[in-house]
């Protein structure tokens, strides 16, 4: 028997060759050849090679970067004004509901240190706020940096006491360049940085003198 006959496979009435790797072909239309431009008028893309006549996009290395809109404010910078933004200066409050405090069943006052110990807040460096979700039946004293009105009412209704702690965390000051700070409001009123206005150091010195006289 010839070598060809050894590889023939009988399938019913037909004799076929077994499938091998070199028989694999991509589906029709899955792969297309690269378009060859600048190969004469008969190709339809000769001379200017489909780029048109003159202009930035016809040049080698021409075109603009992704997101460039001709100098106007691009959409990636317009969007924050339309869809909000992420405030990187916000205070990361740790919120604890009354139901979780009631589940602790501890004797004595509830403090941020106790909440950290039981894993209800991340750490003592974060301000703690108590919310009113859940039921509280025992009279307890709760120390925290903030309380919702409903939480205060629920704690006092159960015979407990609310103690508001002074915040000493890193988020008690506003952003240094924020106009919400009284200092920056004063500097703006004094026209710091404007034509004919004083410099920042000079303006701060004037404000300190004024405060010293008032004191």
N, C-alpha and C. Protein backbone atom coordinates (compact mmCIF):
# COMPACT_ATOMS: atom_id res chain seq x y z
N UNK A 1 0.86 -1.20 0.00
CA UNK A 1 0.00 0.00 0.00
C UNK A 1 0.89 1.24 0.00
N UNK A 2 0.53 2.23 -0.81
CA UNK A 2 1.33 3.45 -0.88
C UNK A 2 1.16 4.25 0.41
N UNK A 3 2.11 5.22 0.59
CA UNK A 3 2.03 6.07 1.79
C UNK A 3 0.77 6.91 1.78
N UNK A 4 0.31 7.31 0.56
CA UNK A 4 -0.92 8.09 0.48
C UNK A 4 -2.10 7.25 0.94
N UNK A 5 -2.12 5.97 0.52
CA UNK A 5 -3.22 5.10 0.91
C UNK A 5 -3.26 4.83 2.39
N UNK A 6 -2.10 4.90 3.05
CA UNK A 6 -2.06 4.67 4.49
C UNK A 6 -2.79 5.76 5.26
N UNK A 7 -2.83 6.98 4.68
CA UNK A 7 -3.44 8.11 5.40
C UNK A 7 -4.90 8.34 5.03
N UNK A 8 -5.42 7.57 4.10
CA UNK A 8 -6.82 7.74 3.73
C UNK A 8 -7.72 7.18 4.81
N UNK A 9 -8.81 7.87 5.09
CA UNK A 9 -9.77 7.46 6.11
C UNK A 9 -11.10 7.19 5.44
N UNK A 10 -11.67 6.01 5.67
CA UNK A 10 -12.95 5.63 5.08
C UNK A 10 -14.07 6.15 5.97
N UNK A 11 -14.89 7.04 5.44
CA UNK A 11 -16.05 7.59 6.17
C UNK A 11 -17.27 7.32 5.31
N UNK A 12 -17.97 6.26 5.58
CA UNK A 12 -19.12 5.90 4.77
C UNK A 12 -18.68 5.50 3.37
N UNK A 13 -19.21 6.24 2.38
CA UNK A 13 -18.85 5.97 1.00
C UNK A 13 -17.72 6.86 0.51
N UNK A 14 -17.35 7.89 1.37
CA UNK A 14 -16.30 8.82 0.95
C UNK A 14 -15.00 8.48 1.62
N UNK A 15 -13.93 8.69 0.88
CA UNK A 15 -12.59 8.53 1.43
C UNK A 15 -11.97 9.90 1.54
N UNK A 16 -11.65 10.37 2.78
CA UNK A 16 -11.13 11.72 3.00
C UNK A 16 -9.78 11.65 3.70
N UNK A 17 -9.07 12.76 3.60
CA UNK A 17 -7.79 12.89 4.30
C UNK A 17 -8.05 13.39 5.72
N UNK A 18 -7.27 12.98 6.70
CA UNK A 18 -7.43 13.51 8.07
C UNK A 18 -7.05 14.99 8.12
N UNK A 19 -7.67 15.75 9.07
CA UNK A 19 -7.40 17.18 9.20
C UNK A 19 -6.06 17.41 9.89
N UNK A 20 -5.25 18.28 9.31
CA UNK A 20 -3.95 18.62 9.88
C UNK A 20 -3.89 20.12 10.10
N UNK A 21 -2.83 20.58 10.77
CA UNK A 21 -2.72 22.01 11.10
C UNK A 21 -2.65 22.87 9.85
N UNK A 22 -2.00 22.39 8.80
CA UNK A 22 -1.88 23.22 7.61
C UNK A 22 -3.19 23.30 6.83
N UNK A 23 -4.22 22.56 7.27
CA UNK A 23 -5.53 22.68 6.64
C UNK A 23 -6.36 23.82 7.25
N UNK A 24 -5.91 24.36 8.38
CA UNK A 24 -6.68 25.41 9.06
C UNK A 24 -6.57 26.72 8.28
N UNK A 25 -7.69 27.37 8.09
CA UNK A 25 -7.75 28.64 7.38
C UNK A 25 -8.65 29.60 8.16
N UNK A 26 -8.34 30.90 8.16
CA UNK A 26 -9.26 31.86 8.80
C UNK A 26 -10.55 31.97 8.02
N UNK A 27 -11.60 32.42 8.69
CA UNK A 27 -12.88 32.61 8.02
C UNK A 27 -12.75 33.69 6.95
N UNK A 28 -13.56 33.57 5.93
CA UNK A 28 -13.49 34.52 4.83
C UNK A 28 -13.84 35.92 5.33
N UNK A 29 -12.96 36.86 5.05
CA UNK A 29 -13.15 38.24 5.49
C UNK A 29 -12.57 38.55 6.85
N UNK A 30 -12.07 37.55 7.57
CA UNK A 30 -11.51 37.80 8.90
C UNK A 30 -10.18 38.55 8.81
N UNK A 31 -9.37 38.23 7.83
CA UNK A 31 -8.09 38.90 7.62
C UNK A 31 -8.11 39.63 6.29
N UNK A 32 -7.67 40.85 6.30
CA UNK A 32 -7.58 41.64 5.06
C UNK A 32 -6.16 42.11 4.88
N UNK A 33 -5.75 42.24 3.64
CA UNK A 33 -4.40 42.71 3.33
C UNK A 33 -4.28 44.19 3.62
N UNK A 34 -3.08 44.64 3.93
CA UNK A 34 -2.83 46.05 4.19
C UNK A 34 -3.07 46.84 2.91
N UNK A 35 -3.72 48.00 3.05
CA UNK A 35 -4.00 48.83 1.89
C UNK A 35 -2.71 49.48 1.39
N UNK A 36 -2.40 49.28 0.13
CA UNK A 36 -1.19 49.85 -0.48
C UNK A 36 -1.58 51.15 -1.17
N UNK A 37 -1.12 52.26 -0.61
CA UNK A 37 -1.48 53.57 -1.17
C UNK A 37 -0.28 54.15 -1.90
N UNK A 38 -0.58 55.15 -2.72
CA UNK A 38 0.50 55.81 -3.47
C UNK A 38 1.12 54.93 -4.54
N UNK A 39 0.30 54.09 -5.18
CA UNK A 39 0.82 53.17 -6.20
C UNK A 39 0.18 53.43 -7.55
N UNK A 40 -0.01 54.71 -7.88
CA UNK A 40 -0.50 55.06 -9.21
C UNK A 40 -1.98 55.40 -9.21
N UNK A 41 -2.39 56.11 -10.30
CA UNK A 41 -3.76 56.59 -10.39
C UNK A 41 -4.75 55.45 -10.52
N UNK A 42 -4.35 54.38 -11.14
CA UNK A 42 -5.28 53.28 -11.36
C UNK A 42 -5.76 52.63 -10.08
N UNK A 43 -5.01 52.78 -9.00
CA UNK A 43 -5.40 52.16 -7.73
C UNK A 43 -6.52 52.92 -7.03
N UNK A 44 -6.72 54.17 -7.43
CA UNK A 44 -7.71 54.99 -6.75
C UNK A 44 -7.14 55.72 -5.56
N UNK A 45 -5.94 55.38 -5.14
CA UNK A 45 -5.29 56.05 -4.01
C UNK A 45 -3.84 56.35 -4.34
N UNK A 46 -3.63 56.92 -5.51
CA UNK A 46 -2.30 57.35 -5.90
C UNK A 46 -2.10 58.81 -5.55
N UNK A 47 -1.03 59.38 -5.96
CA UNK A 47 -0.71 60.79 -5.72
C UNK A 47 -0.82 61.18 -4.26
N UNK A 48 -1.99 61.65 -3.78
CA UNK A 48 -2.13 62.10 -2.39
C UNK A 48 -2.45 60.95 -1.44
N UNK A 49 -2.55 59.73 -1.95
CA UNK A 49 -2.68 58.52 -1.12
C UNK A 49 -3.87 58.58 -0.18
N UNK A 50 -4.96 59.21 -0.60
CA UNK A 50 -6.16 59.23 0.21
C UNK A 50 -6.15 60.26 1.31
N UNK A 51 -5.11 61.11 1.37
CA UNK A 51 -5.02 62.10 2.44
C UNK A 51 -5.58 63.46 2.05
N UNK A 52 -6.00 63.62 0.83
CA UNK A 52 -6.48 64.93 0.40
C UNK A 52 -5.33 65.84 0.04
N UNK A 53 -5.65 67.11 -0.18
CA UNK A 53 -4.66 68.07 -0.63
C UNK A 53 -4.27 69.02 0.49
N UNK A 54 -3.00 69.03 0.84
CA UNK A 54 -2.43 69.95 1.84
C UNK A 54 -3.10 69.82 3.21
N UNK A 55 -2.66 70.62 4.11
CA UNK A 55 -3.23 70.61 5.45
C UNK A 55 -2.42 69.76 6.42
N UNK A 56 -2.73 69.91 7.70
CA UNK A 56 -1.96 69.25 8.76
C UNK A 56 -2.04 67.73 8.66
N UNK A 57 -3.22 67.21 8.34
CA UNK A 57 -3.39 65.76 8.31
C UNK A 57 -2.78 65.10 7.08
N UNK A 58 -2.36 65.91 6.11
CA UNK A 58 -1.73 65.31 4.94
C UNK A 58 -0.22 65.15 5.12
N UNK A 59 0.33 65.74 6.15
CA UNK A 59 1.79 65.73 6.34
C UNK A 59 2.23 64.48 7.09
N UNK A 60 3.50 64.18 6.92
CA UNK A 60 4.09 63.08 7.68
C UNK A 60 4.19 63.52 9.14
N UNK A 61 3.64 62.70 10.04
CA UNK A 61 3.64 63.07 11.45
C UNK A 61 2.57 64.08 11.80
N UNK A 62 1.64 64.33 10.89
CA UNK A 62 0.60 65.32 11.14
C UNK A 62 -0.47 64.79 12.07
N UNK A 63 -1.50 65.59 12.28
CA UNK A 63 -2.59 65.20 13.17
C UNK A 63 -2.41 65.79 14.55
N UNK A 64 -3.40 65.61 15.39
CA UNK A 64 -3.36 66.14 16.75
C UNK A 64 -3.50 65.00 17.74
N UNK A 65 -3.16 65.27 18.98
CA UNK A 65 -3.21 64.24 20.01
C UNK A 65 -4.65 63.87 20.33
N UNK A 66 -4.83 62.73 20.93
CA UNK A 66 -6.15 62.27 21.32
C UNK A 66 -6.73 63.21 22.39
N UNK A 67 -7.94 63.65 22.19
CA UNK A 67 -8.59 64.53 23.15
C UNK A 67 -8.45 66.01 22.83
N UNK A 68 -7.63 66.35 21.82
CA UNK A 68 -7.46 67.76 21.46
C UNK A 68 -8.63 68.22 20.62
N UNK A 69 -9.24 69.36 20.98
CA UNK A 69 -10.42 69.85 20.29
C UNK A 69 -10.19 71.23 19.70
N UNK A 70 -8.99 71.47 19.21
CA UNK A 70 -8.71 72.72 18.52
C UNK A 70 -8.42 73.88 19.44
N UNK A 71 -8.22 73.64 20.70
CA UNK A 71 -7.91 74.72 21.63
C UNK A 71 -9.03 75.02 22.60
N UNK A 72 -10.26 74.61 22.27
CA UNK A 72 -11.34 74.82 23.23
C UNK A 72 -11.21 73.82 24.38
N UNK A 73 -11.91 74.08 25.46
CA UNK A 73 -11.82 73.21 26.64
C UNK A 73 -12.31 71.82 26.27
N UNK A 74 -11.44 70.80 26.34
CA UNK A 74 -11.83 69.45 25.90
C UNK A 74 -12.83 68.82 26.86
N UNK A 75 -13.47 67.77 26.38
CA UNK A 75 -14.57 67.17 27.15
C UNK A 75 -14.09 66.60 28.47
N UNK A 76 -12.85 66.08 28.53
CA UNK A 76 -12.38 65.50 29.78
C UNK A 76 -12.15 66.56 30.84
N UNK A 77 -12.08 67.83 30.46
CA UNK A 77 -11.98 68.91 31.43
C UNK A 77 -13.32 69.59 31.65
N UNK A 78 -14.22 69.45 30.69
CA UNK A 78 -15.56 70.01 30.86
C UNK A 78 -16.42 69.14 31.75
N UNK A 79 -16.18 67.85 31.74
CA UNK A 79 -17.07 66.92 32.44
C UNK A 79 -17.19 67.17 33.94
N UNK A 80 -16.11 67.51 34.66
CA UNK A 80 -16.28 67.72 36.10
C UNK A 80 -17.33 68.77 36.44
N UNK A 81 -17.49 69.78 35.57
CA UNK A 81 -18.48 70.80 35.85
C UNK A 81 -19.89 70.29 35.61
N UNK A 82 -20.01 69.22 34.82
CA UNK A 82 -21.33 68.71 34.46
C UNK A 82 -21.72 67.48 35.28
N UNK A 83 -20.75 66.70 35.71
CA UNK A 83 -21.05 65.44 36.36
C UNK A 83 -20.50 65.36 37.78
N UNK A 84 -20.07 66.48 38.35
CA UNK A 84 -19.52 66.45 39.70
C UNK A 84 -18.06 66.06 39.70
N UNK A 85 -17.48 65.90 40.87
CA UNK A 85 -16.06 65.60 40.98
C UNK A 85 -15.82 64.88 42.30
N UNK A 86 -14.63 64.35 42.47
CA UNK A 86 -14.24 63.69 43.71
C UNK A 86 -13.47 64.69 44.58
N UNK A 87 -14.02 65.02 45.71
CA UNK A 87 -13.40 65.99 46.61
C UNK A 87 -12.31 65.29 47.42
N UNK A 88 -11.05 65.57 47.08
CA UNK A 88 -9.94 64.91 47.77
C UNK A 88 -9.69 65.50 49.15
N UNK A 89 -10.41 66.59 49.48
CA UNK A 89 -10.20 67.23 50.78
C UNK A 89 -11.34 66.91 51.75
N UNK A 90 -12.26 66.03 51.38
CA UNK A 90 -13.40 65.76 52.24
C UNK A 90 -12.96 65.05 53.52
N UNK A 91 -13.73 65.20 54.57
CA UNK A 91 -13.43 64.55 55.84
C UNK A 91 -13.90 63.10 55.81
N UNK A 92 -13.01 62.14 56.06
CA UNK A 92 -13.40 60.72 56.03
C UNK A 92 -14.04 60.30 57.36
N UNK A 93 -15.29 60.65 57.56
CA UNK A 93 -15.98 60.31 58.80
C UNK A 93 -16.15 58.80 58.92
N UNK A 94 -16.02 58.31 60.15
CA UNK A 94 -16.34 56.92 60.46
C UNK A 94 -17.72 56.92 61.11
N UNK A 95 -18.69 56.31 60.45
CA UNK A 95 -20.07 56.32 60.95
C UNK A 95 -20.39 54.99 61.64
N UNK A 96 -21.05 55.09 62.79
CA UNK A 96 -21.45 53.91 63.56
C UNK A 96 -22.92 54.07 63.94
N UNK A 97 -23.71 53.04 63.68
CA UNK A 97 -25.13 53.09 64.02
C UNK A 97 -25.38 52.62 65.45
N UNK A 98 -26.47 53.09 66.02
CA UNK A 98 -26.80 52.74 67.40
C UNK A 98 -27.02 51.24 67.56
N UNK A 99 -27.53 50.59 66.52
CA UNK A 99 -27.74 49.14 66.60
C UNK A 99 -26.45 48.37 66.82
N UNK A 100 -25.37 48.83 66.22
CA UNK A 100 -24.08 48.15 66.39
C UNK A 100 -23.50 48.45 67.77
N UNK A 101 -23.77 49.64 68.30
CA UNK A 101 -23.31 49.96 69.65
C UNK A 101 -24.06 49.11 70.67
N UNK A 102 -25.38 48.94 70.44
CA UNK A 102 -26.17 48.13 71.36
C UNK A 102 -25.70 46.68 71.35
N UNK A 103 -25.23 46.21 70.21
CA UNK A 103 -24.79 44.81 70.10
C UNK A 103 -23.48 44.56 70.86
N UNK A 104 -22.74 45.63 71.20
CA UNK A 104 -21.48 45.44 71.94
C UNK A 104 -21.72 44.93 73.35
N UNK A 105 -22.80 45.41 73.98
CA UNK A 105 -23.14 45.01 75.34
C UNK A 105 -21.97 45.21 76.31
N UNK A 106 -21.43 46.42 76.31
CA UNK A 106 -20.30 46.74 77.18
C UNK A 106 -20.78 47.57 78.36
N UNK A 107 -20.05 47.49 79.46
CA UNK A 107 -20.32 48.33 80.62
C UNK A 107 -19.44 49.57 80.55
N UNK A 108 -20.01 50.71 80.89
CA UNK A 108 -19.24 51.93 80.86
C UNK A 108 -19.47 52.71 79.59
N UNK A 109 -18.78 53.84 79.47
CA UNK A 109 -19.00 54.71 78.31
C UNK A 109 -18.45 54.10 77.01
N UNK A 110 -19.05 54.51 75.91
CA UNK A 110 -18.60 54.09 74.58
C UNK A 110 -17.74 55.21 74.01
N UNK A 111 -16.49 54.92 73.73
CA UNK A 111 -15.54 55.91 73.24
C UNK A 111 -14.99 55.47 71.88
N UNK A 112 -14.36 56.39 71.15
CA UNK A 112 -13.73 55.99 69.88
C UNK A 112 -12.69 54.87 70.06
N UNK A 113 -11.96 54.89 71.17
CA UNK A 113 -10.98 53.84 71.41
C UNK A 113 -11.66 52.48 71.55
N UNK A 114 -12.82 52.46 72.23
CA UNK A 114 -13.57 51.20 72.37
C UNK A 114 -14.08 50.71 71.02
N UNK A 115 -14.52 51.65 70.17
CA UNK A 115 -15.01 51.28 68.85
C UNK A 115 -13.89 50.72 67.98
N UNK A 116 -12.69 51.30 68.11
CA UNK A 116 -11.54 50.78 67.37
C UNK A 116 -11.20 49.38 67.85
N UNK A 117 -11.26 49.18 69.16
CA UNK A 117 -10.93 47.87 69.74
C UNK A 117 -11.87 46.78 69.22
N UNK A 118 -13.14 47.11 69.00
CA UNK A 118 -14.11 46.14 68.51
C UNK A 118 -14.23 46.12 67.00
N UNK A 119 -13.39 46.90 66.33
CA UNK A 119 -13.36 46.86 64.86
C UNK A 119 -14.48 47.59 64.17
N UNK A 120 -15.15 48.51 64.86
CA UNK A 120 -16.25 49.25 64.24
C UNK A 120 -15.77 50.48 63.48
N UNK A 121 -14.58 50.98 63.79
CA UNK A 121 -13.99 52.09 63.05
C UNK A 121 -12.54 51.73 62.72
N UNK A 122 -12.00 52.44 61.75
CA UNK A 122 -10.66 52.09 61.25
C UNK A 122 -9.55 52.46 62.22
N UNK A 123 -9.68 53.61 62.89
CA UNK A 123 -8.63 54.04 63.78
C UNK A 123 -9.04 55.29 64.54
N UNK A 124 -8.29 55.61 65.59
CA UNK A 124 -8.62 56.77 66.41
C UNK A 124 -8.28 58.08 65.71
N UNK A 125 -7.54 58.01 64.60
CA UNK A 125 -7.20 59.25 63.89
C UNK A 125 -8.36 59.77 63.05
N UNK A 126 -9.44 58.96 62.91
CA UNK A 126 -10.59 59.37 62.12
C UNK A 126 -11.71 59.89 63.03
N UNK A 127 -12.40 60.96 62.63
CA UNK A 127 -13.54 61.44 63.43
C UNK A 127 -14.71 60.46 63.34
N UNK A 128 -15.43 60.31 64.44
CA UNK A 128 -16.52 59.33 64.54
C UNK A 128 -17.85 60.07 64.64
N UNK A 129 -18.82 59.59 63.84
CA UNK A 129 -20.17 60.16 63.91
C UNK A 129 -21.15 59.02 64.19
N UNK A 130 -22.09 59.27 65.11
CA UNK A 130 -23.08 58.27 65.51
C UNK A 130 -24.39 58.54 64.77
N UNK A 131 -24.91 57.49 64.13
CA UNK A 131 -26.19 57.58 63.42
C UNK A 131 -27.25 56.76 64.14
N UNK A 132 -28.51 56.97 63.77
CA UNK A 132 -29.62 56.48 64.59
C UNK A 132 -30.20 55.15 64.14
N UNK A 133 -29.62 54.47 63.15
CA UNK A 133 -30.20 53.21 62.70
C UNK A 133 -30.05 52.13 63.77
N UNK A 134 -31.12 51.42 64.04
CA UNK A 134 -31.09 50.38 65.08
C UNK A 134 -31.80 50.85 66.34
N UNK A 135 -31.93 49.92 67.28
CA UNK A 135 -32.62 50.21 68.54
C UNK A 135 -31.64 50.20 69.70
N UNK A 136 -31.86 51.11 70.63
CA UNK A 136 -31.02 51.21 71.82
C UNK A 136 -31.93 51.22 73.04
N UNK A 137 -31.73 50.25 73.91
CA UNK A 137 -32.60 50.15 75.09
C UNK A 137 -31.87 50.51 76.39
N UNK A 138 -30.56 50.31 76.43
CA UNK A 138 -29.79 50.58 77.65
C UNK A 138 -29.38 52.04 77.71
N UNK A 139 -29.23 52.53 78.93
CA UNK A 139 -28.77 53.91 79.15
C UNK A 139 -27.24 53.91 79.13
N UNK A 140 -26.66 54.47 78.09
CA UNK A 140 -25.20 54.48 77.96
C UNK A 140 -24.73 55.89 77.66
N UNK A 141 -23.46 56.11 77.92
CA UNK A 141 -22.83 57.38 77.60
C UNK A 141 -21.97 57.17 76.36
N UNK A 142 -22.22 57.98 75.35
CA UNK A 142 -21.52 57.82 74.07
C UNK A 142 -20.66 59.05 73.82
N UNK A 143 -19.35 58.81 73.63
CA UNK A 143 -18.41 59.87 73.28
C UNK A 143 -18.11 59.77 71.78
N UNK A 144 -18.32 60.85 71.05
CA UNK A 144 -18.02 60.86 69.61
C UNK A 144 -17.84 62.30 69.16
N UNK A 145 -17.36 62.45 67.92
CA UNK A 145 -17.10 63.79 67.39
C UNK A 145 -18.33 64.39 66.74
N UNK A 146 -19.32 63.57 66.45
CA UNK A 146 -20.53 64.08 65.83
C UNK A 146 -21.69 63.12 66.03
N UNK A 147 -22.90 63.68 66.07
CA UNK A 147 -24.12 62.88 66.25
C UNK A 147 -25.19 63.43 65.31
N UNK A 148 -25.99 62.53 64.76
CA UNK A 148 -27.17 63.00 64.03
C UNK A 148 -28.24 63.38 65.06
N UNK A 149 -29.19 64.23 64.66
CA UNK A 149 -30.25 64.66 65.57
C UNK A 149 -31.07 63.47 66.06
N UNK A 150 -31.33 62.53 65.15
CA UNK A 150 -32.11 61.35 65.53
C UNK A 150 -31.34 60.48 66.52
N UNK A 151 -30.02 60.41 66.38
CA UNK A 151 -29.21 59.61 67.31
C UNK A 151 -29.21 60.24 68.69
N UNK A 152 -29.10 61.56 68.76
CA UNK A 152 -29.14 62.24 70.06
C UNK A 152 -30.48 61.97 70.75
N UNK A 153 -31.56 62.07 69.97
CA UNK A 153 -32.89 61.85 70.55
C UNK A 153 -33.04 60.41 71.05
N UNK A 154 -32.52 59.44 70.29
CA UNK A 154 -32.65 58.04 70.69
C UNK A 154 -31.84 57.73 71.94
N UNK A 155 -30.62 58.27 72.01
CA UNK A 155 -29.76 58.02 73.18
C UNK A 155 -30.38 58.63 74.44
N UNK A 156 -30.85 59.87 74.33
CA UNK A 156 -31.43 60.53 75.49
C UNK A 156 -32.78 59.90 75.88
N UNK A 157 -33.52 59.39 74.90
CA UNK A 157 -34.78 58.72 75.21
C UNK A 157 -34.55 57.43 75.99
N UNK A 158 -33.39 56.78 75.77
CA UNK A 158 -33.07 55.56 76.51
C UNK A 158 -32.43 55.86 77.85
N UNK A 159 -32.27 57.14 78.19
CA UNK A 159 -31.67 57.53 79.46
C UNK A 159 -30.18 57.70 79.40
N UNK A 160 -29.63 57.72 78.21
CA UNK A 160 -28.18 57.86 78.06
C UNK A 160 -27.74 59.30 77.94
N UNK A 161 -26.43 59.48 77.73
CA UNK A 161 -25.83 60.81 77.65
C UNK A 161 -24.98 60.91 76.39
N UNK A 162 -25.01 62.08 75.79
CA UNK A 162 -24.21 62.35 74.59
C UNK A 162 -23.08 63.29 74.95
N UNK A 163 -21.84 62.92 74.60
CA UNK A 163 -20.67 63.76 74.84
C UNK A 163 -19.98 64.01 73.50
N UNK A 164 -19.98 65.28 73.08
CA UNK A 164 -19.36 65.64 71.80
C UNK A 164 -17.89 65.97 72.03
N UNK A 165 -17.01 65.23 71.39
CA UNK A 165 -15.58 65.42 71.53
C UNK A 165 -15.07 66.50 70.59
N UNK A 166 -14.00 67.17 71.00
CA UNK A 166 -13.37 68.15 70.12
C UNK A 166 -12.53 67.42 69.08
N UNK A 167 -12.67 67.83 67.85
CA UNK A 167 -11.93 67.17 66.78
C UNK A 167 -10.47 67.61 66.78
N UNK A 168 -9.58 66.63 66.73
CA UNK A 168 -8.14 66.91 66.66
C UNK A 168 -7.51 66.20 65.47
N UNK A 169 -8.33 65.77 64.51
CA UNK A 169 -7.80 65.02 63.37
C UNK A 169 -7.16 65.97 62.36
N UNK A 170 -6.64 65.38 61.29
CA UNK A 170 -5.92 66.14 60.27
C UNK A 170 -6.85 66.85 59.29
N UNK A 171 -8.18 66.63 59.42
CA UNK A 171 -9.11 67.17 58.43
C UNK A 171 -9.92 68.33 58.99
N UNK A 172 -9.48 68.94 60.08
CA UNK A 172 -10.26 70.03 60.67
C UNK A 172 -9.99 71.35 59.96
N UNK A 173 -8.90 71.44 59.20
CA UNK A 173 -8.59 72.68 58.48
C UNK A 173 -8.99 72.52 57.03
N UNK A 174 -9.39 73.64 56.43
CA UNK A 174 -9.77 73.62 55.02
C UNK A 174 -8.52 73.58 54.15
N UNK A 175 -8.72 73.40 52.88
CA UNK A 175 -7.60 73.41 51.93
C UNK A 175 -6.92 74.77 51.99
N UNK A 176 -5.57 74.82 52.02
CA UNK A 176 -4.86 76.08 52.21
C UNK A 176 -5.27 77.18 51.23
N UNK A 177 -5.62 76.83 49.98
CA UNK A 177 -5.94 77.85 49.00
C UNK A 177 -7.45 78.11 48.92
N UNK A 178 -8.20 77.52 49.83
CA UNK A 178 -9.66 77.67 49.78
C UNK A 178 -10.07 79.08 50.19
N UNK A 179 -11.01 79.65 49.47
CA UNK A 179 -11.51 80.98 49.82
C UNK A 179 -12.44 80.93 51.02
N UNK A 180 -12.78 79.72 51.48
CA UNK A 180 -13.63 79.62 52.66
C UNK A 180 -12.86 79.96 53.94
N UNK A 181 -11.54 79.96 53.90
CA UNK A 181 -10.77 80.35 55.07
C UNK A 181 -10.87 81.86 55.27
N UNK A 182 -11.06 82.32 56.49
CA UNK A 182 -11.15 83.77 56.72
C UNK A 182 -9.94 84.53 56.21
N UNK A 183 -8.74 83.94 56.34
CA UNK A 183 -7.53 84.62 55.88
C UNK A 183 -7.59 84.90 54.39
N UNK A 184 -7.98 83.91 53.60
CA UNK A 184 -8.01 84.11 52.16
C UNK A 184 -9.11 85.06 51.73
N UNK A 185 -10.20 85.11 52.50
CA UNK A 185 -11.23 86.11 52.19
C UNK A 185 -10.68 87.51 52.39
N UNK A 186 -9.91 87.69 53.47
CA UNK A 186 -9.31 89.00 53.74
C UNK A 186 -8.30 89.36 52.64
N UNK A 187 -7.48 88.38 52.24
CA UNK A 187 -6.48 88.66 51.21
C UNK A 187 -7.14 89.03 49.89
N UNK A 188 -8.25 88.38 49.58
CA UNK A 188 -8.96 88.71 48.35
C UNK A 188 -9.52 90.12 48.42
N UNK A 189 -10.05 90.50 49.59
CA UNK A 189 -10.59 91.85 49.76
C UNK A 189 -9.50 92.91 49.63
N UNK A 190 -8.27 92.56 50.01
CA UNK A 190 -7.14 93.51 49.91
C UNK A 190 -6.52 93.52 48.52
N UNK A 191 -7.09 92.73 47.58
CA UNK A 191 -6.62 92.68 46.19
C UNK A 191 -5.18 92.18 46.08
N UNK A 192 -4.87 91.16 46.86
CA UNK A 192 -3.52 90.57 46.80
C UNK A 192 -3.33 89.91 45.44
N UNK A 193 -2.20 90.20 44.80
CA UNK A 193 -1.90 89.63 43.50
C UNK A 193 -2.46 90.41 42.33
N UNK A 194 -3.28 91.44 42.61
CA UNK A 194 -3.84 92.25 41.53
C UNK A 194 -2.92 93.44 41.25
N UNK A 195 -3.17 94.11 40.14
CA UNK A 195 -2.36 95.27 39.78
C UNK A 195 -2.58 96.37 40.82
N UNK A 196 -1.48 96.86 41.39
CA UNK A 196 -1.56 97.89 42.41
C UNK A 196 -1.84 97.36 43.80
N UNK A 197 -2.10 96.05 43.94
CA UNK A 197 -2.38 95.47 45.25
C UNK A 197 -1.09 95.04 45.94
N UNK A 198 -1.14 94.80 47.25
CA UNK A 198 0.07 94.39 47.99
C UNK A 198 0.42 92.93 47.71
N UNK A 199 1.64 92.55 48.06
CA UNK A 199 2.05 91.16 47.97
C UNK A 199 1.45 90.36 49.12
N UNK A 200 1.53 89.05 49.04
CA UNK A 200 0.91 88.21 50.05
C UNK A 200 1.55 88.41 51.42
N UNK A 201 2.90 88.44 51.47
CA UNK A 201 3.57 88.62 52.77
C UNK A 201 3.25 89.97 53.36
N UNK A 202 3.26 91.00 52.52
CA UNK A 202 2.95 92.35 53.00
C UNK A 202 1.52 92.42 53.54
N UNK A 203 0.58 91.79 52.83
CA UNK A 203 -0.81 91.81 53.26
C UNK A 203 -0.99 91.05 54.58
N UNK A 204 -0.31 89.91 54.73
CA UNK A 204 -0.42 89.15 55.97
C UNK A 204 0.16 89.94 57.14
N UNK A 205 1.27 90.66 56.88
CA UNK A 205 1.85 91.49 57.94
C UNK A 205 0.88 92.60 58.35
N UNK A 206 0.18 93.20 57.39
CA UNK A 206 -0.80 94.24 57.71
C UNK A 206 -1.96 93.67 58.53
N UNK A 207 -2.39 92.48 58.16
CA UNK A 207 -3.48 91.85 58.92
C UNK A 207 -3.05 91.54 60.35
N UNK A 208 -1.81 91.06 60.53
CA UNK A 208 -1.31 90.77 61.87
C UNK A 208 -1.21 92.03 62.71
N UNK A 209 -0.79 93.14 62.09
CA UNK A 209 -0.73 94.42 62.81
C UNK A 209 -2.13 94.85 63.24
N UNK A 210 -3.09 94.68 62.33
CA UNK A 210 -4.45 95.09 62.65
C UNK A 210 -5.01 94.26 63.82
N UNK A 211 -4.76 92.93 63.79
CA UNK A 211 -5.22 92.07 64.87
C UNK A 211 -4.56 92.41 66.19
N UNK A 212 -3.26 92.80 66.13
CA UNK A 212 -2.55 93.16 67.36
C UNK A 212 -3.12 94.43 67.97
N UNK A 213 -3.51 95.40 67.12
CA UNK A 213 -4.08 96.66 67.63
C UNK A 213 -5.47 96.40 68.23
N UNK A 214 -6.23 95.54 67.55
CA UNK A 214 -7.58 95.22 68.07
C UNK A 214 -7.53 94.45 69.38
N UNK A 215 -6.47 93.64 69.55
CA UNK A 215 -6.33 92.88 70.79
C UNK A 215 -5.92 93.81 71.93
